[in-house]
Structures are given as C-alpha cells and as structure tokens.
Amino acid sequence: MESPLHRDDRGYFREWFKSSPLKERIGREFEVKQANMSQSKKGVVRGIHFSIAEVGQAKWVTCGKGAIWDVVVDIRPNSKTFKKWEGVEISAENGRSVLLSEGLGHAFIALEDDSITFYALSSNYDPSNEFAINPKDPELAINWPLGNLIFSQRDLEAPTLEKFINSRED
C-alpha cells in the first residue's frame, strides 16, 4: 500500500499506518501489539526473521528515512508458493508499506545510510518463538540488490530453510 506525502516548505507529513483502508483492502483487522524501529547503514541486511507464536505474528513495515529493499519469503511448507520470495523498494519518499501475513519470513537491506525502518507487529516479541533463516540460503537465492552486504553473526549462523524445517520435524 502507499500513503501520500503531504509536502510544504516545512517538509512533509505522512500517515504511515491507518487501520480502516488496510481493513478494506485485506478484509480483516490488523491490531498493533508492538511497534519497533531500526536504523541501518547502507548494505545492512536484517533477516530472514519470523515468529512461530501460536497467535501468529503479522507485520506492517515502512521506511521513515532513507530506503530499504524489503523481502517477504514464504516459509510455509504446505503453501503453493513455498520457498518463493518477493522484494519491493520502500522509502521515505515513495510512501510504500508492506503487510506480511503470519507465517512468512521477513528481511530487508538498507539501500541508503541511516535508513530508518518501522515495524508494527500483531503480537509481542517472544524470544522463545522467534527464529531466523540464513539470508544467504542458496536454495532461496535472494537476489540482494547491493554488494558488500553486512550481516549480523546471528543471521549468518542461522540455518537454511531446509535445515530449520528438518530440525522441527525431529
């Protein structure tokens, strides 16, 4: 979804989240339980992260400063789009936001220095239900749009999707 930027000589104003148009578009409520913000240098990759909380965890993601390339990964083994991913540029200038449904993996790369990303979550963070998939998983083959990528140690040490699924079946 996109939200318009209302500009004047002071800068701009933007409604980055509004429940009524979202409900009209997706046919359900999106209740925010937690809101997060991150600041990233150009080339920083965050994710692929997801929650297996029983109540699920949907995310509303937007960019308040700079630009990111946001990636949604279908990690649901019974889905017809399993292991597929889609990327979209979200920036402070284009006013885009992305809604990720429960059960999907999320990652992004900062396309500019000091990019600020906002996430609204439908459930609270619970470390016992939060997991990561390696963003360099060769089977997913995400085509990151920049070189010289910067990853956290946690994300680099995360299993591939296949290894994660196999570990859950044991």
Foldseek 3Di string as FASTA:
>chain_A
DFWDWDDDPVGTDTDLDDFPVVCVVPVDGQDFPDKDKDWAAAQEKDFQKAFPPPVFKKKKKAWQAAKKWKKKAQLDPPDPCHLEMDIDMHHNVGRDIDIGGGRITIMMGGRHHGIMMMMGMSDDDDPVGMAGAQPVQVSSPDDHPDPPHDYDPRNNPGHHSVVVVVVVVD
